[in-house]
Amino acid sequence: MPAKSTKSPKTPTAMSAAEKQAIKERALELKAQAKGQKGEAEVEAKWKLMKPENRLLAQAIHKLVKAVDPSIEAKTWYSMPAYYKAGKLICFFQSADKWGTRYGTLGFDQNAKLDKGSMWATSFAITKLTPANSKAISALVKKAIGKK
């Protein structure tokens, strides 16, 4: 009979300082929301922290999302501008500033109704907003909230 291994299972890698900060910011967001603070002001505050090119992109995406359905609520989610429908996270914008990447991303949460077969995209890299990109984002948001 082989001897039992005394090695412990591999431990997960430690979180980066940025990841730890994002978790702290999320806790603060939840506390602020529980106190009734409006998410729109939080989103606007996050824009001010972005580099100008990322801020313009975030603000343009905000306008596109709100144009699809004005009842979509803007709040922050892990310090990123995020959009909720009926209290459920639908999508979020992650600025290139957030993790020091070369592009921002528009991500969709599991609540987004983007399902297509057994595989579909949930995140899109964005470097600039073109008319074609704007049209595609509007269509994705409509689909995500189940709007025809």
C-alpha atoms as a PDB file:
ATOM      1  CA  MET A   1       0.000   0.000   0.000  1.00  0.00           C
ATOM      2  CA  PRO A   2       1.502   3.367  -1.020  1.00  0.00           C
ATOM      3  CA  ALA A   3       2.116   5.939   1.666  1.00  0.00           C
ATOM      4  CA  LYS A   4      -0.262   8.880   1.847  1.00  0.00           C
ATOM      5  CA  SER A   5       1.074  12.122   0.485  1.00  0.00           C
ATOM      6  CA  THR A   6       1.797  14.758   3.091  1.00  0.00           C
ATOM      7  CA  LYS A   7       1.955  17.550   0.524  1.00  0.00           C
ATOM      8  CA  SER A   8      -0.793  20.078   0.783  1.00  0.00           C
ATOM      9  CA  PRO A   9      -2.738  21.025  -2.323  1.00  0.00           C
ATOM     10  CA  LYS A  10      -1.264  23.835  -4.367  1.00  0.00           C
ATOM     11  CA  THR A  11      -2.272  27.197  -2.925  1.00  0.00           C
ATOM     12  CA  PRO A  12      -3.661  29.830  -5.260  1.00  0.00           C
ATOM     13  CA  THR A  13      -1.406  32.682  -6.268  1.00  0.00           C
ATOM     14  CA  ALA A  14      -1.547  35.788  -4.141  1.00  0.00           C
ATOM     15  CA  MET A  15      -3.642  38.715  -5.304  1.00  0.00           C
ATOM     16  CA  SER A  16      -1.922  41.761  -6.696  1.00  0.00           C
ATOM     17  CA  ALA A  17      -2.150  45.101  -4.923  1.00  0.00           C
ATOM     18  CA  ALA A  18      -4.531  46.304  -7.667  1.00  0.00           C
ATOM     19  CA  GLU A  19      -6.809  43.295  -7.150  1.00  0.00           C
ATOM     20  CA  LYS A  20      -6.859  43.858  -3.386  1.00  0.00           C
ATOM     21  CA  GLN A  21      -7.672  47.518  -3.975  1.00  0.00           C
ATOM     22  CA  ALA A  22     -10.540  46.579  -6.309  1.00  0.00           C
ATOM     23  CA  ILE A  23     -12.033  44.368  -3.595  1.00  0.00           C
ATOM     24  CA  LYS A  24     -11.776  47.199  -1.046  1.00  0.00           C
ATOM     25  CA  GLU A  25     -13.407  49.590  -3.512  1.00  0.00           C
ATOM     26  CA  ARG A  26     -16.235  47.123  -4.127  1.00  0.00           C
ATOM     27  CA  ALA A  27     -16.910  46.921  -0.387  1.00  0.00           C
ATOM     28  CA  LEU A  28     -17.071  50.727  -0.217  1.00  0.00           C
ATOM     29  CA  GLU A  29     -19.441  50.788  -3.222  1.00  0.00           C
ATOM     30  CA  LEU A  30     -21.801  48.331  -1.559  1.00  0.00           C
ATOM     31  CA  LYS A  31     -21.807  50.375   1.662  1.00  0.00           C
ATOM     32  CA  ALA A  32     -22.514  53.594  -0.258  1.00  0.00           C
ATOM     33  CA  GLN A  33     -25.320  51.931  -2.215  1.00  0.00           C
ATOM     34  CA  ALA A  34     -26.823  50.537   0.996  1.00  0.00           C
ATOM     35  CA  LYS A  35     -26.909  54.115   2.325  1.00  0.00           C
ATOM     36  CA  GLY A  36     -28.828  55.179  -0.786  1.00  0.00           C
ATOM     37  CA  GLN A  37     -26.066  57.050  -2.573  1.00  0.00           C
ATOM     38  CA  LYS A  38     -26.642  57.402  -6.298  1.00  0.00           C
ATOM     39  CA  GLY A  39     -24.463  55.372  -8.607  1.00  0.00           C
ATOM     40  CA  GLU A  40     -24.404  57.965 -11.379  1.00  0.00           C
ATOM     41  CA  ALA A  41     -22.253  60.256  -9.208  1.00  0.00           C
ATOM     42  CA  GLU A  42     -19.880  57.352  -8.489  1.00  0.00           C
ATOM     43  CA  VAL A  43     -19.521  56.676 -12.221  1.00  0.00           C
ATOM     44  CA  GLU A  44     -18.808  60.344 -12.962  1.00  0.00           C
ATOM     45  CA  ALA A  45     -16.175  60.371 -10.202  1.00  0.00           C
ATOM     46  CA  LYS A  46     -14.447  57.351 -11.786  1.00  0.00           C
ATOM     47  CA  TRP A  47     -14.369  59.107 -15.160  1.00  0.00           C
ATOM     48  CA  LYS A  48     -12.386  61.949 -13.598  1.00  0.00           C
ATOM     49  CA  LEU A  49      -9.671  59.479 -12.587  1.00  0.00           C
ATOM     50  CA  MET A  50      -9.226  58.169 -16.145  1.00  0.00           C
ATOM     51  CA  LYS A  51      -6.799  59.462 -18.726  1.00  0.00           C
ATOM     52  CA  PRO A  52      -8.590  61.750 -21.216  1.00  0.00           C
ATOM     53  CA  GLU A  53      -8.773  59.196 -24.056  1.00  0.00           C
ATOM     54  CA  ASN A  54     -10.237  56.549 -21.725  1.00  0.00           C
ATOM     55  CA  ARG A  55     -12.616  59.062 -20.145  1.00  0.00           C
ATOM     56  CA  LEU A  56     -14.015  60.024 -23.558  1.00  0.00           C
ATOM     57  CA  LEU A  57     -14.502  56.367 -24.423  1.00  0.00           C
ATOM     58  CA  ALA A  58     -16.212  55.628 -21.098  1.00  0.00           C
ATOM     59  CA  GLN A  59     -18.523  58.632 -21.450  1.00  0.00           C
ATOM     60  CA  ALA A  60     -19.432  57.691 -25.033  1.00  0.00           C
ATOM     61  CA  ILE A  61     -20.246  54.115 -23.985  1.00  0.00           C
ATOM     62  CA  HIS A  62     -22.332  55.512 -21.130  1.00  0.00           C
ATOM     63  CA  LYS A  63     -24.386  57.563 -23.600  1.00  0.00           C
ATOM     64  CA  LEU A  64     -24.854  54.558 -25.879  1.00  0.00           C
ATOM     65  CA  VAL A  65     -26.023  52.309 -23.040  1.00  0.00           C
ATOM     66  CA  LYS A  66     -28.432  54.909 -21.647  1.00  0.00           C
ATOM     67  CA  ALA A  67     -29.794  55.604 -25.163  1.00  0.00           C
ATOM     68  CA  VAL A  68     -30.746  51.938 -25.520  1.00  0.00           C
ATOM     69  CA  ASP A  69     -32.850  52.110 -22.369  1.00  0.00           C
ATOM     70  CA  PRO A  70     -32.899  55.142 -20.052  1.00  0.00           C
ATOM     71  CA  SER A  71     -34.034  52.932 -17.161  1.00  0.00           C
ATOM     72  CA  ILE A  72     -30.637  51.202 -17.135  1.00  0.00           C
ATOM     73  CA  GLU A  73     -28.973  52.312 -13.933  1.00  0.00           C
ATOM     74  CA  ALA A  74     -25.333  53.393 -13.857  1.00  0.00           C
ATOM     75  CA  LYS A  75     -23.305  52.398 -10.792  1.00  0.00           C
ATOM     76  CA  THR A  76     -19.751  51.369 -10.155  1.00  0.00           C
ATOM     77  CA  TRP A  77     -18.708  47.727  -9.933  1.00  0.00           C
ATOM     78  CA  TYR A  78     -15.197  47.058  -8.595  1.00  0.00           C
ATOM     79  CA  SER A  79     -14.584  50.766  -9.308  1.00  0.00           C
ATOM     80  CA  MET A  80     -15.585  50.447 -12.967  1.00  0.00           C
ATOM     81  CA  PRO A  81     -18.566  52.134 -14.616  1.00  0.00           C
ATOM     82  CA  ALA A  82     -21.263  49.466 -14.765  1.00  0.00           C
ATOM     83  CA  TYR A  83     -24.852  49.232 -15.934  1.00  0.00           C
ATOM     84  CA  TYR A  84     -27.737  47.478 -14.227  1.00  0.00           C
ATOM     85  CA  LYS A  85     -31.232  46.552 -15.366  1.00  0.00           C
ATOM     86  CA  ALA A  86     -33.795  45.651 -12.710  1.00  0.00           C
ATOM     87  CA  GLY A  87     -31.000  45.526 -10.127  1.00  0.00           C
ATOM     88  CA  LYS A  88     -28.903  43.012 -12.096  1.00  0.00           C
ATOM     89  CA  LEU A  89     -25.481  43.788 -13.532  1.00  0.00           C
ATOM     90  CA  ILE A  90     -25.598  43.700 -17.331  1.00  0.00           C
ATOM     91  CA  CYS A  91     -22.346  45.239 -18.552  1.00  0.00           C
ATOM     92  CA  PHE A  92     -19.345  47.296 -17.479  1.00  0.00           C
ATOM     93  CA  PHE A  93     -16.540  49.347 -18.964  1.00  0.00           C
ATOM     94  CA  GLN A  94     -13.016  48.580 -17.837  1.00  0.00           C
ATOM     95  CA  SER A  95     -10.711  51.453 -18.686  1.00  0.00           C
ATOM     96  CA  ALA A  96      -7.228  50.705 -19.960  1.00  0.00           C
ATOM     97  CA  ASP A  97      -6.117  52.688 -16.892  1.00  0.00           C
ATOM     98  CA  LYS A  98      -7.614  50.094 -14.542  1.00  0.00           C
ATOM     99  CA  TRP A  99      -4.977  47.407 -15.112  1.00  0.00           C
ATOM    100  CA  GLY A 100      -2.492  49.265 -17.297  1.00  0.00           C
ATOM    101  CA  THR A 101      -3.555  47.559 -20.515  1.00  0.00           C
ATOM    102  CA  ARG A 102      -3.379  48.963 -24.031  1.00  0.00           C
ATOM    103  CA  TYR A 103      -7.154  48.884 -24.540  1.00  0.00           C
ATOM    104  CA  GLY A 104     -10.369  49.265 -22.602  1.00  0.00           C
ATOM    105  CA  THR A 105     -12.970  46.525 -22.527  1.00  0.00           C
ATOM    106  CA  LEU A 106     -16.715  46.377 -22.597  1.00  0.00           C
ATOM    107  CA  GLY A 107     -17.669  43.315 -20.587  1.00  0.00           C
ATOM    108  CA  PHE A 108     -21.002  41.604 -20.108  1.00  0.00           C
ATOM    109  CA  ASP A 109     -22.079  39.808 -16.954  1.00  0.00           C
ATOM    110  CA  GLN A 110     -23.845  36.452 -16.790  1.00  0.00           C
ATOM    111  CA  ASN A 111     -27.164  38.332 -16.506  1.00  0.00           C
ATOM    112  CA  ALA A 112     -26.733  39.591 -20.078  1.00  0.00           C
ATOM    113  CA  LYS A 113     -28.837  37.608 -22.516  1.00  0.00           C
ATOM    114  CA  LEU A 114     -26.076  37.124 -25.077  1.00  0.00           C
ATOM    115  CA  ASP A 115     -26.201  33.333 -25.069  1.00  0.00           C
ATOM    116  CA  LYS A 116     -25.753  31.838 -28.522  1.00  0.00           C
ATOM    117  CA  GLY A 117     -25.285  28.092 -28.705  1.00  0.00           C
ATOM    118  CA  SER A 118     -22.628  26.727 -26.413  1.00  0.00           C
ATOM    119  CA  MET A 119     -20.118  29.595 -26.830  1.00  0.00           C
ATOM    120  CA  TRP A 120     -20.350  33.402 -27.065  1.00  0.00           C
ATOM    121  CA  ALA A 121     -18.245  36.475 -26.395  1.00  0.00           C
ATOM    122  CA  THR A 122     -18.649  38.292 -23.079  1.00  0.00           C
ATOM    123  CA  SER A 123     -15.911  40.908 -23.434  1.00  0.00           C
ATOM    124  CA  PHE A 124     -14.814  43.220 -26.234  1.00  0.00           C
ATOM    125  CA  ALA A 125     -11.600  45.218 -26.552  1.00  0.00           C
ATOM    126  CA  ILE A 126     -12.172  48.845 -27.538  1.00  0.00           C
ATOM    127  CA  THR A 127      -9.509  51.345 -28.570  1.00  0.00           C
ATOM    128  CA  LYS A 128     -11.796  53.946 -30.153  1.00  0.00           C
ATOM    129  CA  LEU A 129     -15.447  54.397 -30.890  1.00  0.00           C
ATOM    130  CA  THR A 130     -16.338  54.342 -34.578  1.00  0.00           C
ATOM    131  CA  PRO A 131     -19.859  54.521 -36.020  1.00  0.00           C
ATOM    132  CA  ALA A 132     -19.699  50.749 -36.627  1.00  0.00           C
ATOM    133  CA  ASN A 133     -18.534  50.103 -33.039  1.00  0.00           C
ATOM    134  CA  SER A 134     -21.297  52.342 -31.682  1.00  0.00           C
ATOM    135  CA  LYS A 135     -23.911  50.438 -33.670  1.00  0.00           C
ATOM    136  CA  ALA A 136     -22.502  47.088 -32.498  1.00  0.00           C
ATOM    137  CA  ILE A 137     -22.442  48.197 -28.834  1.00  0.00           C
ATOM    138  CA  SER A 138     -26.046  49.404 -29.017  1.00  0.00           C
ATOM    139  CA  ALA A 139     -27.096  46.084 -30.567  1.00  0.00           C
ATOM    140  CA  LEU A 140     -25.235  44.100 -27.888  1.00  0.00           C
ATOM    141  CA  VAL A 141     -26.807  46.108 -25.062  1.00  0.00           C
ATOM    142  CA  LYS A 142     -30.279  45.662 -26.582  1.00  0.00           C
ATOM    143  CA  LYS A 143     -29.719  41.919 -26.842  1.00  0.00           C
ATOM    144  CA  ALA A 144     -28.234  41.807 -23.332  1.00  0.00           C
ATOM    145  CA  ILE A 145     -31.393  43.269 -21.783  1.00  0.00           C
ATOM    146  CA  GLY A 146     -33.764  41.304 -24.025  1.00  0.00           C
ATOM    147  CA  LYS A 147     -34.920  44.327 -26.003  1.00  0.00           C
ATOM    148  CA  LYS A 148     -35.912  43.769 -29.629  1.00  0.00           C
END
